[in-house]
């Protein structure tokens, strides 16, 4: 199996600055998307280097009306105890993500289920897809949800991105996006409406990807402290790395 790292994960943010310590990623099209507005450290910073970088990003984001700062750390390296103590002291949220890989042939077989219909989003399903996404995104406020609509519309026109919508007995119940590369297909944004949990919809969405991209490695990122990662492990995904991140939101 080809080696994949977090560098292969799609992010719509733009690299607008870089030095020996970090890359600066910015996404003016959606300033409220924390995952696309951050600093990514290229090597482990010292405490003083982190403080200096955090002051820079705070001022940059403040000038753009952004209320957060976010930092990613080098893959497969946990920040030092000194940094972890500082994050706790300063009220940073900290966590880590895991990168999972699978070849389609390793994915478990699924029994037929006539109640679930998985569709690639075309013009006739775009409104239903946008409405489903909007309902989920409202958890983060109407401003965020409105900006995500524009992002989903851009993605719809992007030939590298396939949008999938799952229907349960005719009702939109789940979705995911697929970022298509030469050697990989990345599952992103997998979600199932809370009213349709535990009906096999997430597995069906993944199964559609496995069948469509038999010649590619399927990759995805999971929260290293959340339960979906256990589902991926049971489905024969292989964890190939982890990456720590911290963020702080200012009122």
C-alpha atoms as a PDB file:
ATOM      1  CA  UNK A   1       0.000   0.000   0.000  1.00  0.00           C
ATOM      2  CA  UNK A   2       1.273   3.459  -0.886  1.00  0.00           C
ATOM      3  CA  UNK A   3       2.223   5.606   2.090  1.00  0.00           C
ATOM      4  CA  UNK A   4      -0.124   8.492   2.904  1.00  0.00           C
ATOM      5  CA  UNK A   5       0.276  11.289   5.438  1.00  0.00           C
ATOM      6  CA  UNK A   6      -1.769  14.258   6.610  1.00  0.00           C
ATOM      7  CA  UNK A   7      -0.156  16.198   3.752  1.00  0.00           C
ATOM      8  CA  UNK A   8      -2.487  14.275   1.421  1.00  0.00           C
ATOM      9  CA  UNK A   9      -5.617  15.516   3.209  1.00  0.00           C
ATOM     10  CA  UNK A  10      -7.571  18.097   1.223  1.00  0.00           C
ATOM     11  CA  UNK A  11      -7.939  21.579   2.649  1.00  0.00           C
ATOM     12  CA  UNK A  12      -9.412  24.502   0.682  1.00  0.00           C
ATOM     13  CA  UNK A  13      -7.312  27.018   2.645  1.00  0.00           C
ATOM     14  CA  UNK A  14      -4.470  28.862   0.926  1.00  0.00           C
ATOM     15  CA  UNK A  15      -0.825  29.016   2.039  1.00  0.00           C
ATOM     16  CA  UNK A  16      -0.289  32.769   2.361  1.00  0.00           C
ATOM     17  CA  UNK A  17       2.971  32.712   4.319  1.00  0.00           C
ATOM     18  CA  UNK A  18       5.738  30.344   5.331  1.00  0.00           C
ATOM     19  CA  UNK A  19       8.980  30.355   7.284  1.00  0.00           C
ATOM     20  CA  UNK A  20      11.280  27.749   8.804  1.00  0.00           C
ATOM     21  CA  UNK A  21       8.839  27.155  11.677  1.00  0.00           C
ATOM     22  CA  UNK A  22       5.340  27.105  10.170  1.00  0.00           C
ATOM     23  CA  UNK A  23       2.979  27.536   7.246  1.00  0.00           C
ATOM     24  CA  UNK A  24       0.201  30.104   7.489  1.00  0.00           C
ATOM     25  CA  UNK A  25      -3.093  28.817   6.047  1.00  0.00           C
ATOM     26  CA  UNK A  26      -5.896  31.282   5.347  1.00  0.00           C
ATOM     27  CA  UNK A  27      -9.325  30.889   3.736  1.00  0.00           C
ATOM     28  CA  UNK A  28     -10.929  34.318   3.153  1.00  0.00           C
ATOM     29  CA  UNK A  29     -13.904  32.656   1.467  1.00  0.00           C
ATOM     30  CA  UNK A  30     -14.918  31.297   4.894  1.00  0.00           C
ATOM     31  CA  UNK A  31     -13.233  33.001   7.814  1.00  0.00           C
ATOM     32  CA  UNK A  32     -15.330  31.084  10.362  1.00  0.00           C
ATOM     33  CA  UNK A  33     -13.992  27.690   9.228  1.00  0.00           C
ATOM     34  CA  UNK A  34     -11.359  26.998  11.862  1.00  0.00           C
ATOM     35  CA  UNK A  35     -10.026  23.983   9.944  1.00  0.00           C
ATOM     36  CA  UNK A  36      -8.965  26.249   7.068  1.00  0.00           C
ATOM     37  CA  UNK A  37      -7.550  29.187   9.047  1.00  0.00           C
ATOM     38  CA  UNK A  38      -4.537  28.202  11.142  1.00  0.00           C
ATOM     39  CA  UNK A  39      -0.777  27.876  11.516  1.00  0.00           C
ATOM     40  CA  UNK A  40       0.766  24.467  10.791  1.00  0.00           C
ATOM     41  CA  UNK A  41       4.097  23.950  12.550  1.00  0.00           C
ATOM     42  CA  UNK A  42       6.779  22.280  10.417  1.00  0.00           C
ATOM     43  CA  UNK A  43       8.781  21.353  13.519  1.00  0.00           C
ATOM     44  CA  UNK A  44       8.029  21.265  17.214  1.00  0.00           C
ATOM     45  CA  UNK A  45       8.094  24.829  18.561  1.00  0.00           C
ATOM     46  CA  UNK A  46       9.598  25.837  21.848  1.00  0.00           C
ATOM     47  CA  UNK A  47       7.285  27.567  24.303  1.00  0.00           C
ATOM     48  CA  UNK A  48       8.648  30.971  23.331  1.00  0.00           C
ATOM     49  CA  UNK A  49       8.299  30.187  19.623  1.00  0.00           C
ATOM     50  CA  UNK A  50       4.692  29.148  20.188  1.00  0.00           C
ATOM     51  CA  UNK A  51       3.911  32.311  22.156  1.00  0.00           C
ATOM     52  CA  UNK A  52       5.349  34.467  19.378  1.00  0.00           C
ATOM     53  CA  UNK A  53       3.440  32.543  16.689  1.00  0.00           C
ATOM     54  CA  UNK A  54       0.210  32.751  18.675  1.00  0.00           C
ATOM     55  CA  UNK A  55       0.561  36.529  19.060  1.00  0.00           C
ATOM     56  CA  UNK A  56       1.077  36.847  15.311  1.00  0.00           C
ATOM     57  CA  UNK A  57      -1.972  34.736  14.434  1.00  0.00           C
ATOM     58  CA  UNK A  58      -4.164  36.430  17.026  1.00  0.00           C
ATOM     59  CA  UNK A  59      -3.394  39.861  15.571  1.00  0.00           C
ATOM     60  CA  UNK A  60      -3.824  38.653  11.990  1.00  0.00           C
ATOM     61  CA  UNK A  61      -7.187  37.060  12.751  1.00  0.00           C
ATOM     62  CA  UNK A  62      -8.339  40.035  14.810  1.00  0.00           C
ATOM     63  CA  UNK A  63      -7.648  42.296  11.820  1.00  0.00           C
ATOM     64  CA  UNK A  64      -9.864  40.017   9.712  1.00  0.00           C
ATOM     65  CA  UNK A  65     -12.681  39.868  12.248  1.00  0.00           C
ATOM     66  CA  UNK A  66     -11.860  36.304  13.288  1.00  0.00           C
ATOM     67  CA  UNK A  67     -12.273  35.276  16.915  1.00  0.00           C
ATOM     68  CA  UNK A  68     -10.157  32.130  16.980  1.00  0.00           C
ATOM     69  CA  UNK A  69      -6.608  30.868  16.702  1.00  0.00           C
ATOM     70  CA  UNK A  70      -5.706  27.320  15.696  1.00  0.00           C
ATOM     71  CA  UNK A  71      -2.396  25.450  15.457  1.00  0.00           C
ATOM     72  CA  UNK A  72      -1.422  22.070  13.994  1.00  0.00           C
ATOM     73  CA  UNK A  73       1.690  20.228  15.143  1.00  0.00           C
ATOM     74  CA  UNK A  74       4.052  17.914  13.230  1.00  0.00           C
ATOM     75  CA  UNK A  75       2.620  14.504  12.413  1.00  0.00           C
ATOM     76  CA  UNK A  76       3.223  11.661  14.879  1.00  0.00           C
ATOM     77  CA  UNK A  77       4.741  13.932  17.539  1.00  0.00           C
ATOM     78  CA  UNK A  78       2.988  15.009  20.728  1.00  0.00           C
ATOM     79  CA  UNK A  79       3.757  18.564  21.905  1.00  0.00           C
ATOM     80  CA  UNK A  80       6.147  18.797  24.833  1.00  0.00           C
ATOM     81  CA  UNK A  81       4.886  18.611  28.420  1.00  0.00           C
ATOM     82  CA  UNK A  82       5.829  22.277  28.783  1.00  0.00           C
ATOM     83  CA  UNK A  83       3.581  23.198  25.866  1.00  0.00           C
ATOM     84  CA  UNK A  84       0.750  20.955  27.066  1.00  0.00           C
ATOM     85  CA  UNK A  85       0.874  22.619  30.496  1.00  0.00           C
ATOM     86  CA  UNK A  86       0.786  26.033  28.838  1.00  0.00           C
ATOM     87  CA  UNK A  87      -2.234  25.098  26.717  1.00  0.00           C
ATOM     88  CA  UNK A  88      -4.119  24.035  29.841  1.00  0.00           C
ATOM     89  CA  UNK A  89      -3.111  27.193  31.694  1.00  0.00           C
ATOM     90  CA  UNK A  90      -4.217  29.452  28.823  1.00  0.00           C
ATOM     91  CA  UNK A  91      -7.496  27.693  28.104  1.00  0.00           C
ATOM     92  CA  UNK A  92      -6.674  26.121  24.741  1.00  0.00           C
ATOM     93  CA  UNK A  93      -8.784  23.210  23.528  1.00  0.00           C
ATOM     94  CA  UNK A  94      -6.403  20.395  22.626  1.00  0.00           C
ATOM     95  CA  UNK A  95      -6.826  17.089  20.870  1.00  0.00           C
ATOM     96  CA  UNK A  96      -5.523  14.943  18.066  1.00  0.00           C
ATOM     97  CA  UNK A  97      -6.720  13.421  14.818  1.00  0.00           C
ATOM     98  CA  UNK A  98      -5.907  10.029  13.334  1.00  0.00           C
ATOM     99  CA  UNK A  99      -5.387   9.206   9.663  1.00  0.00           C
ATOM    100  CA  UNK A 100      -7.088   6.005   8.459  1.00  0.00           C
ATOM    101  CA  UNK A 101      -6.515   4.053   5.228  1.00  0.00           C
ATOM    102  CA  UNK A 102      -8.218   1.099   3.576  1.00  0.00           C
ATOM    103  CA  UNK A 103      -8.249  -0.641   0.202  1.00  0.00           C
ATOM    104  CA  UNK A 104     -11.829  -1.155  -1.046  1.00  0.00           C
ATOM    105  CA  UNK A 105     -11.438  -4.926  -1.018  1.00  0.00           C
ATOM    106  CA  UNK A 106     -10.834  -4.876   2.746  1.00  0.00           C
ATOM    107  CA  UNK A 107     -14.153  -3.157   3.497  1.00  0.00           C
ATOM    108  CA  UNK A 108     -16.765  -5.566   4.972  1.00  0.00           C
ATOM    109  CA  UNK A 109     -19.527  -6.860   2.740  1.00  0.00           C
ATOM    110  CA  UNK A 110     -22.911  -5.208   3.229  1.00  0.00           C
ATOM    111  CA  UNK A 111     -26.323  -6.829   3.052  1.00  0.00           C
ATOM    112  CA  UNK A 112     -28.887  -5.303   0.706  1.00  0.00           C
ATOM    113  CA  UNK A 113     -31.181  -2.738   2.305  1.00  0.00           C
ATOM    114  CA  UNK A 114     -33.966  -1.372   0.123  1.00  0.00           C
ATOM    115  CA  UNK A 115     -34.714   1.378   2.652  1.00  0.00           C
ATOM    116  CA  UNK A 116     -31.384   3.132   1.961  1.00  0.00           C
ATOM    117  CA  UNK A 117     -30.652   4.861  -1.338  1.00  0.00           C
ATOM    118  CA  UNK A 118     -27.239   6.481  -1.931  1.00  0.00           C
ATOM    119  CA  UNK A 119     -27.056   9.062  -4.717  1.00  0.00           C
ATOM    120  CA  UNK A 120     -24.279  11.110  -6.231  1.00  0.00           C
ATOM    121  CA  UNK A 121     -25.583  14.675  -5.999  1.00  0.00           C
ATOM    122  CA  UNK A 122     -26.719  16.038  -9.374  1.00  0.00           C
ATOM    123  CA  UNK A 123     -28.735  19.144 -10.160  1.00  0.00           C
ATOM    124  CA  UNK A 124     -32.011  17.475  -9.186  1.00  0.00           C
ATOM    125  CA  UNK A 125     -30.699  16.586  -5.702  1.00  0.00           C
ATOM    126  CA  UNK A 126     -28.612  19.701  -5.001  1.00  0.00           C
ATOM    127  CA  UNK A 127     -31.362  21.554  -3.125  1.00  0.00           C
ATOM    128  CA  UNK A 128     -32.004  18.539  -0.870  1.00  0.00           C
ATOM    129  CA  UNK A 129     -28.266  18.177  -0.243  1.00  0.00           C
ATOM    130  CA  UNK A 130     -27.869  21.883   0.632  1.00  0.00           C
ATOM    131  CA  UNK A 131     -30.926  21.809   2.902  1.00  0.00           C
ATOM    132  CA  UNK A 132     -29.617  18.738   4.714  1.00  0.00           C
ATOM    133  CA  UNK A 133     -26.190  20.318   5.199  1.00  0.00           C
ATOM    134  CA  UNK A 134     -27.717  23.609   6.343  1.00  0.00           C
ATOM    135  CA  UNK A 135     -29.705  21.890   9.081  1.00  0.00           C
ATOM    136  CA  UNK A 136     -26.554  20.210  10.403  1.00  0.00           C
ATOM    137  CA  UNK A 137     -24.423  23.362  10.122  1.00  0.00           C
ATOM    138  CA  UNK A 138     -26.938  25.461  12.068  1.00  0.00           C
ATOM    139  CA  UNK A 139     -25.420  23.896  15.177  1.00  0.00           C
ATOM    140  CA  UNK A 140     -22.624  26.454  14.710  1.00  0.00           C
ATOM    141  CA  UNK A 141     -24.910  29.402  13.975  1.00  0.00           C
ATOM    142  CA  UNK A 142     -26.621  30.906  10.909  1.00  0.00           C
ATOM    143  CA  UNK A 143     -23.516  32.824   9.818  1.00  0.00           C
ATOM    144  CA  UNK A 144     -21.484  29.640   9.591  1.00  0.00           C
ATOM    145  CA  UNK A 145     -24.321  27.730   7.898  1.00  0.00           C
ATOM    146  CA  UNK A 146     -24.797  30.471   5.287  1.00  0.00           C
ATOM    147  CA  UNK A 147     -21.096  30.474   4.413  1.00  0.00           C
ATOM    148  CA  UNK A 148     -21.096  26.682   4.151  1.00  0.00           C
ATOM    149  CA  UNK A 149     -23.864  26.890   1.521  1.00  0.00           C
ATOM    150  CA  UNK A 150     -21.528  28.918  -0.703  1.00  0.00           C
ATOM    151  CA  UNK A 151     -18.745  26.416  -0.074  1.00  0.00           C
ATOM    152  CA  UNK A 152     -20.969  23.447  -0.960  1.00  0.00           C
ATOM    153  CA  UNK A 153     -22.017  25.193  -4.181  1.00  0.00           C
ATOM    154  CA  UNK A 154     -18.357  25.712  -5.117  1.00  0.00           C
ATOM    155  CA  UNK A 155     -17.637  22.073  -4.330  1.00  0.00           C
ATOM    156  CA  UNK A 156     -20.547  20.989  -6.529  1.00  0.00           C
ATOM    157  CA  UNK A 157     -18.798  22.596  -9.503  1.00  0.00           C
ATOM    158  CA  UNK A 158     -15.401  21.125  -8.605  1.00  0.00           C
ATOM    159  CA  UNK A 159     -14.668  17.958 -10.642  1.00  0.00           C
ATOM    160  CA  UNK A 160     -12.322  16.763  -7.866  1.00  0.00           C
ATOM    161  CA  UNK A 161     -15.179  16.584  -5.363  1.00  0.00           C
ATOM    162  CA  UNK A 162     -18.111  14.168  -5.385  1.00  0.00           C
ATOM    163  CA  UNK A 163     -21.028  14.867  -3.043  1.00  0.00           C
ATOM    164  CA  UNK A 164     -23.171  11.966  -1.833  1.00  0.00           C
ATOM    165  CA  UNK A 165     -26.592  12.077  -0.223  1.00  0.00           C
ATOM    166  CA  UNK A 166     -28.213   9.131   1.552  1.00  0.00           C
ATOM    167  CA  UNK A 167     -31.990   8.745   1.636  1.00  0.00           C
ATOM    168  CA  UNK A 168     -33.784   6.559   4.168  1.00  0.00           C
ATOM    169  CA  UNK A 169     -37.248   5.637   2.907  1.00  0.00           C
ATOM    170  CA  UNK A 170     -37.090   8.729   0.696  1.00  0.00           C
ATOM    171  CA  UNK A 171     -35.942  11.196   3.382  1.00  0.00           C
ATOM    172  CA  UNK A 172     -32.436  12.763   3.320  1.00  0.00           C
ATOM    173  CA  UNK A 173     -30.621  11.066   6.184  1.00  0.00           C
ATOM    174  CA  UNK A 174     -26.847  11.293   5.654  1.00  0.00           C
ATOM    175  CA  UNK A 175     -24.114  12.678   3.458  1.00  0.00           C
ATOM    176  CA  UNK A 176     -20.423  12.736   2.701  1.00  0.00           C
ATOM    177  CA  UNK A 177     -18.017  14.318   0.228  1.00  0.00           C
ATOM    178  CA  UNK A 178     -15.288  12.482  -1.676  1.00  0.00           C
ATOM    179  CA  UNK A 179     -12.088  14.273  -2.675  1.00  0.00           C
ATOM    180  CA  UNK A 180     -10.745  12.445  -5.720  1.00  0.00           C
ATOM    181  CA  UNK A 181      -6.992  12.268  -6.347  1.00  0.00           C
ATOM    182  CA  UNK A 182      -4.871  10.134  -8.672  1.00  0.00           C
ATOM    183  CA  UNK A 183      -4.144   7.434  -6.083  1.00  0.00           C
ATOM    184  CA  UNK A 184      -6.705   8.124  -3.373  1.00  0.00           C
ATOM    185  CA  UNK A 185     -10.302   8.982  -2.607  1.00  0.00           C
ATOM    186  CA  UNK A 186     -10.749  10.896   0.643  1.00  0.00           C
ATOM    187  CA  UNK A 187     -13.956  10.564   2.649  1.00  0.00           C
ATOM    188  CA  UNK A 188     -14.803  13.922   4.207  1.00  0.00           C
ATOM    189  CA  UNK A 189     -17.722  15.241   6.224  1.00  0.00           C
ATOM    190  CA  UNK A 190     -19.416  11.892   6.827  1.00  0.00           C
ATOM    191  CA  UNK A 191     -22.574  12.596   8.803  1.00  0.00           C
ATOM    192  CA  UNK A 192     -25.880  10.929   9.605  1.00  0.00           C
ATOM    193  CA  UNK A 193     -28.891  12.814  10.940  1.00  0.00           C
ATOM    194  CA  UNK A 194     -29.526  11.984  14.590  1.00  0.00           C
ATOM    195  CA  UNK A 195     -33.006  10.663  13.718  1.00  0.00           C
ATOM    196  CA  UNK A 196     -31.475   7.981  11.487  1.00  0.00           C
ATOM    197  CA  UNK A 197     -28.566   6.752  13.577  1.00  0.00           C
ATOM    198  CA  UNK A 198     -27.751   3.028  13.819  1.00  0.00           C
ATOM    199  CA  UNK A 199     -29.547   2.076  10.610  1.00  0.00           C
ATOM    200  CA  UNK A 200     -26.392   1.316   8.617  1.00  0.00           C
ATOM    201  CA  UNK A 201     -26.412   4.585   6.674  1.00  0.00           C
ATOM    202  CA  UNK A 202     -22.783   5.504   7.404  1.00  0.00           C
ATOM    203  CA  UNK A 203     -21.655   2.076   6.215  1.00  0.00           C
ATOM    204  CA  UNK A 204     -23.758   2.388   3.064  1.00  0.00           C
ATOM    205  CA  UNK A 205     -22.228   5.753   2.234  1.00  0.00           C
ATOM    206  CA  UNK A 206     -18.745   4.319   2.661  1.00  0.00           C
ATOM    207  CA  UNK A 207     -19.684   1.226   0.686  1.00  0.00           C
ATOM    208  CA  UNK A 208     -20.710   3.426  -2.247  1.00  0.00           C
ATOM    209  CA  UNK A 209     -17.246   5.002  -2.193  1.00  0.00           C
ATOM    210  CA  UNK A 210     -15.560   1.588  -2.052  1.00  0.00           C
ATOM    211  CA  UNK A 211     -17.497   0.366  -5.093  1.00  0.00           C
ATOM    212  CA  UNK A 212     -16.924   3.548  -7.099  1.00  0.00           C
ATOM    213  CA  UNK A 213     -13.171   3.794  -6.447  1.00  0.00           C
ATOM    214  CA  UNK A 214     -11.956   0.206  -6.497  1.00  0.00           C
ATOM    215  CA  UNK A 215      -8.540   1.220  -7.854  1.00  0.00           C
ATOM    216  CA  UNK A 216      -7.754   3.808  -5.171  1.00  0.00           C
ATOM    217  CA  UNK A 217      -6.771   3.893  -1.512  1.00  0.00           C
ATOM    218  CA  UNK A 218      -9.615   5.270   0.599  1.00  0.00           C
ATOM    219  CA  UNK A 219      -8.440   7.713   3.266  1.00  0.00           C
ATOM    220  CA  UNK A 220     -10.133   9.708   6.019  1.00  0.00           C
ATOM    221  CA  UNK A 221      -9.377  11.650   9.186  1.00  0.00           C
ATOM    222  CA  UNK A 222     -11.069  10.840  12.507  1.00  0.00           C
ATOM    223  CA  UNK A 223     -11.047  12.552  15.878  1.00  0.00           C
ATOM    224  CA  UNK A 224      -8.613  10.549  17.988  1.00  0.00           C
ATOM    225  CA  UNK A 225     -10.848  10.890  21.049  1.00  0.00           C
ATOM    226  CA  UNK A 226     -14.278  10.281  19.484  1.00  0.00           C
ATOM    227  CA  UNK A 227     -16.273   7.104  18.914  1.00  0.00           C
ATOM    228  CA  UNK A 228     -16.437   7.040  15.057  1.00  0.00           C
ATOM    229  CA  UNK A 229     -12.787   5.928  15.004  1.00  0.00           C
ATOM    230  CA  UNK A 230     -13.913   2.660  16.639  1.00  0.00           C
ATOM    231  CA  UNK A 231     -16.307   2.081  13.748  1.00  0.00           C
ATOM    232  CA  UNK A 232     -13.488   2.572  11.243  1.00  0.00           C
ATOM    233  CA  UNK A 233     -11.278   0.125  13.111  1.00  0.00           C
ATOM    234  CA  UNK A 234     -14.038  -2.498  13.039  1.00  0.00           C
ATOM    235  CA  UNK A 235     -14.439  -1.865   9.302  1.00  0.00           C
ATOM    236  CA  UNK A 236     -10.765  -2.824   8.737  1.00  0.00           C
ATOM    237  CA  UNK A 237      -9.325   0.665   8.280  1.00  0.00           C
ATOM    238  CA  UNK A 238      -5.669   0.985   9.256  1.00  0.00           C
ATOM    239  CA  UNK A 239      -4.482   3.905  11.390  1.00  0.00           C
ATOM    240  CA  UNK A 240      -1.308   5.266   9.790  1.00  0.00           C
ATOM    241  CA  UNK A 241      -0.599   8.353  11.910  1.00  0.00           C
ATOM    242  CA  UNK A 242      -1.799  11.036  14.300  1.00  0.00           C
ATOM    243  CA  UNK A 243      -1.517  14.808  14.563  1.00  0.00           C
ATOM    244  CA  UNK A 244      -2.101  17.084  17.539  1.00  0.00           C
ATOM    245  CA  UNK A 245      -3.870  20.418  17.316  1.00  0.00           C
ATOM    246  CA  UNK A 246      -4.966  23.187  19.664  1.00  0.00           C
ATOM    247  CA  UNK A 247      -7.362  26.082  19.294  1.00  0.00           C
ATOM    248  CA  UNK A 248      -8.771  28.930  21.320  1.00  0.00           C
ATOM    249  CA  UNK A 249     -11.863  31.033  20.728  1.00  0.00           C
ATOM    250  CA  UNK A 250     -12.018  34.591  22.041  1.00  0.00           C
ATOM    251  CA  UNK A 251     -15.284  36.283  22.939  1.00  0.00           C
END
